Protein backbone atom coordinates (compact mmCIF):
# COMPACT_ATOMS: atom_id res chain seq x y z
CA VAL A 1 -12.59 -12.23 -8.48
CA GLN A 2 -11.54 -15.76 -9.47
CA GLN A 3 -12.27 -15.09 -13.14
CA ILE A 4 -10.34 -11.82 -13.05
CA SER A 5 -7.48 -13.59 -11.27
CA GLY A 6 -7.29 -16.16 -14.06
CA MET A 7 -7.33 -13.48 -16.74
CA LEU A 8 -4.62 -11.47 -14.99
CA THR A 9 -2.44 -14.56 -14.59
CA GLU A 10 -2.74 -15.27 -18.32
CA LEU A 11 -2.15 -11.62 -19.21
CA PHE A 12 1.03 -11.37 -17.17
CA GLN A 13 2.30 -14.77 -18.35
CA ARG A 14 2.06 -13.49 -21.92
CA ALA A 15 3.77 -10.26 -20.91
CA ARG A 16 6.61 -12.25 -19.28
CA LEU A 17 7.11 -14.17 -22.53
CA GLU A 18 7.21 -10.95 -24.57
CA LYS A 19 9.49 -9.13 -22.13
CA PRO A 20 11.56 -11.68 -20.22
CA GLY A 21 12.87 -10.40 -16.91
CA GLN A 22 10.75 -7.26 -16.96
CA VAL A 23 7.53 -8.58 -15.38
CA ASP A 24 7.43 -9.41 -11.70
CA PRO A 25 6.16 -12.98 -11.17
CA ARG A 26 3.75 -11.57 -8.55
CA ALA A 27 2.29 -8.95 -10.92
CA ALA A 28 -1.06 -10.74 -11.29
CA ASP A 29 -1.44 -11.04 -7.51
CA PHE A 30 -0.46 -7.41 -6.93
CA THR A 31 -2.85 -6.22 -9.63
CA LEU A 32 -5.70 -8.32 -8.26
CA SER A 33 -5.05 -6.92 -4.77
CA LEU A 34 -5.19 -3.39 -6.15
CA LEU A 35 -8.42 -4.09 -8.04
CA ALA A 36 -9.97 -5.67 -4.95
CA ALA A 37 -8.95 -2.68 -2.81
CA MET A 38 -10.58 -0.34 -5.33
CA TYR A 39 -13.71 -2.27 -6.26
CA ASP A 40 -14.37 -4.83 -3.50
CA ARG A 41 -13.75 -2.96 -0.27
CA SER A 42 -16.30 -5.03 1.64
CA GLY A 43 -14.67 -8.32 0.57
CA THR A 44 -17.65 -9.81 -1.25
CA GLY A 45 -15.41 -11.58 -3.77
CA TYR A 46 -17.15 -9.73 -6.60
CA ILE A 47 -15.61 -7.13 -8.91
CA LYS A 48 -17.42 -5.90 -11.99
CA ALA A 49 -15.42 -6.93 -15.04
CA ARG A 50 -16.11 -3.56 -16.64
CA SER A 51 -14.71 -1.70 -13.62
CA ALA A 52 -11.58 -3.86 -13.64
CA ALA A 53 -11.20 -3.30 -17.38
CA ALA A 54 -11.49 0.48 -16.93
CA ALA A 55 -8.74 0.43 -14.30
CA LEU A 56 -6.46 -1.75 -16.42
CA ILE A 57 -7.03 0.48 -19.44
CA ALA A 58 -6.36 3.64 -17.43
CA LEU A 59 -3.18 2.21 -15.94
CA SER A 60 -1.91 0.66 -19.17
CA GLY A 61 1.00 2.03 -21.15
CA ASP A 62 -1.14 2.59 -24.23
CA THR A 63 -1.63 5.97 -25.90
CA LEU A 64 -4.25 8.35 -24.56
CA LEU A 65 -6.35 8.02 -27.71
CA ALA A 66 -6.30 4.23 -27.47
CA LYS A 67 -7.34 4.44 -23.80
CA TYR A 68 -10.17 6.85 -24.56
CA ARG A 69 -11.49 4.65 -27.37
CA ALA A 70 -11.29 1.57 -25.15
CA PHE A 71 -13.28 3.36 -22.42
CA PHE A 72 -15.92 4.11 -25.02
CA GLN A 73 -16.05 0.51 -26.22
CA PHE A 74 -16.50 -0.86 -22.69
CA TYR A 75 -19.13 1.65 -21.55
CA ALA A 76 -21.07 2.42 -24.73
CA VAL A 77 -24.46 0.89 -25.32
CA PRO A 78 -25.66 -0.27 -28.71
CA VAL A 79 -28.37 1.92 -30.22
CA GLY A 80 -29.36 0.53 -33.59
CA LYS A 81 -26.19 0.22 -35.67
CA MET A 82 -24.32 2.70 -33.49
CA ALA A 83 -22.73 2.64 -30.07
CA LEU A 84 -23.33 5.59 -27.78
CA ILE A 85 -22.39 6.67 -24.27
CA THR A 86 -25.38 7.60 -22.16
CA ARG A 87 -25.21 9.95 -19.18
CA SER A 88 -25.66 6.96 -16.90
CA ALA A 89 -22.84 5.02 -18.57
CA LEU A 90 -20.58 8.07 -18.36
CA ARG A 91 -21.32 8.47 -14.64
CA SER A 92 -20.50 4.79 -14.18
CA LEU A 93 -17.19 5.15 -16.04
CA LEU A 94 -16.23 8.26 -14.08
CA SER A 95 -17.14 6.60 -10.78
CA ASP A 96 -15.09 3.53 -11.70
CA LEU A 97 -12.09 5.61 -12.74
CA ASN A 98 -12.40 7.78 -9.63
CA GLN A 99 -11.61 4.71 -7.52
CA ILE A 100 -8.03 4.73 -8.80
CA PRO A 101 -6.95 8.06 -7.25
CA ALA A 102 -9.29 7.39 -4.31
CA ILE A 103 -7.16 4.40 -3.30
CA VAL A 104 -4.37 6.87 -2.47
CA GLY A 105 -6.70 9.43 -0.91
CA GLU A 106 -7.02 11.66 -3.98
CA GLY A 107 -10.50 10.81 -5.27
CA CYS A 108 -13.23 13.36 -5.68
CA SER A 109 -16.81 13.42 -4.48
CA LEU A 110 -19.86 12.25 -6.37
CA SER A 111 -20.66 15.89 -7.11
CA CYS A 112 -17.48 16.28 -9.18
CA VAL A 113 -18.48 13.18 -11.16
CA GLU A 114 -21.86 14.78 -11.81
CA ILE A 115 -20.26 18.11 -12.79
CA ALA A 116 -17.95 16.28 -15.21
CA ALA A 117 -20.86 14.36 -16.74
CA ARG A 118 -22.79 17.61 -17.22
CA SER A 119 -19.77 19.23 -18.88
CA CYS A 120 -19.49 16.32 -21.32
CA PHE A 121 -23.13 16.65 -22.30
CA HIS A 122 -23.09 20.47 -22.40
CA GLY A 123 -24.98 21.59 -25.48
CA VAL A 124 -26.06 18.04 -26.32
CA LEU A 125 -29.77 17.58 -26.88
CA ASN A 126 -29.71 13.81 -27.14
CA SER A 127 -29.55 11.40 -24.22
CA ALA A 128 -26.31 9.87 -25.50
CA ILE A 129 -23.18 10.88 -27.40
CA VAL A 130 -21.06 9.33 -30.13
CA GLU A 131 -17.43 8.31 -29.75
CA GLU A 132 -16.07 11.46 -31.43
CA LYS A 133 -17.80 13.76 -28.92
CA PHE A 134 -16.71 11.53 -26.01
CA VAL A 135 -13.05 11.44 -27.11
CA SER A 136 -13.07 15.18 -27.81
CA TRP A 137 -14.36 15.83 -24.28
CA LEU A 138 -11.69 13.56 -22.76
CA ARG A 139 -9.00 15.36 -24.76
CA SER A 140 -10.10 18.61 -23.11
CA GLU A 141 -8.81 17.01 -19.87
CA PRO A 142 -11.79 17.32 -17.53
CA ALA A 143 -10.66 17.97 -13.96
CA VAL A 144 -11.98 14.66 -12.64
CA LEU A 145 -9.70 12.75 -15.03
CA GLN A 146 -6.64 15.00 -15.27
CA TRP A 147 -4.57 12.31 -13.61
CA ILE A 148 -4.83 10.05 -16.70
CA PRO A 149 -2.99 12.33 -19.15
CA ALA A 150 -0.61 13.40 -16.36
CA CYS A 151 0.37 9.78 -15.70
CA TYR A 152 0.67 9.14 -19.42
CA ARG A 153 3.00 12.10 -19.86
CA LEU A 154 5.13 10.99 -16.92
CA SER A 155 5.50 7.49 -18.31
CA ALA A 156 6.19 8.80 -21.82
CA THR A 157 8.94 11.10 -20.61
CA ALA A 158 10.58 8.30 -18.64
CA MET A 159 11.75 6.87 -21.95
CA VAL A 160 13.15 10.17 -23.29
CA SER A 161 16.90 10.36 -23.52
CA HIS A 162 18.79 13.59 -24.11
CA GLN A 163 22.35 13.62 -25.38
CA ALA A 164 23.40 16.39 -23.00
CA ARG A 165 26.13 16.36 -20.40
CA CYS A 166 26.00 18.23 -17.14
CA LYS A 167 29.03 19.86 -15.55
């Protein structure tokens, strides 16, 4: 938790420099509290860096494709010269991401994580998949992760301005 706190402090200090007046000075503390509520419910003082990274990626303002590729990079395992997502790594990612809606009472059960993992590997004979297959599956908006593109669309439309007047 202390390491993540330091990283968040640095991250938000940089953000404050890039966008003066737009970043709350308590952003690092708020974010750390959210991460602890999601990933350290028993108060052990330990949060997996990969879980925290998944949450920060999911909640970032980046494009969906960039988020999906970042998920792959954090959860893929090296196999020779390639990186692949195994079923186990996918289950871990889905479980980590499921903690985000769970914090507001909207998470799903472990069975929906398993169903989603099976759907990703449907028709796959190997024990792991490449990035293209992983990203393609995420683009199909599996039910367990539908909140990610929904949140992205909401944030993207917040910046849309129409030159129309209402009467």
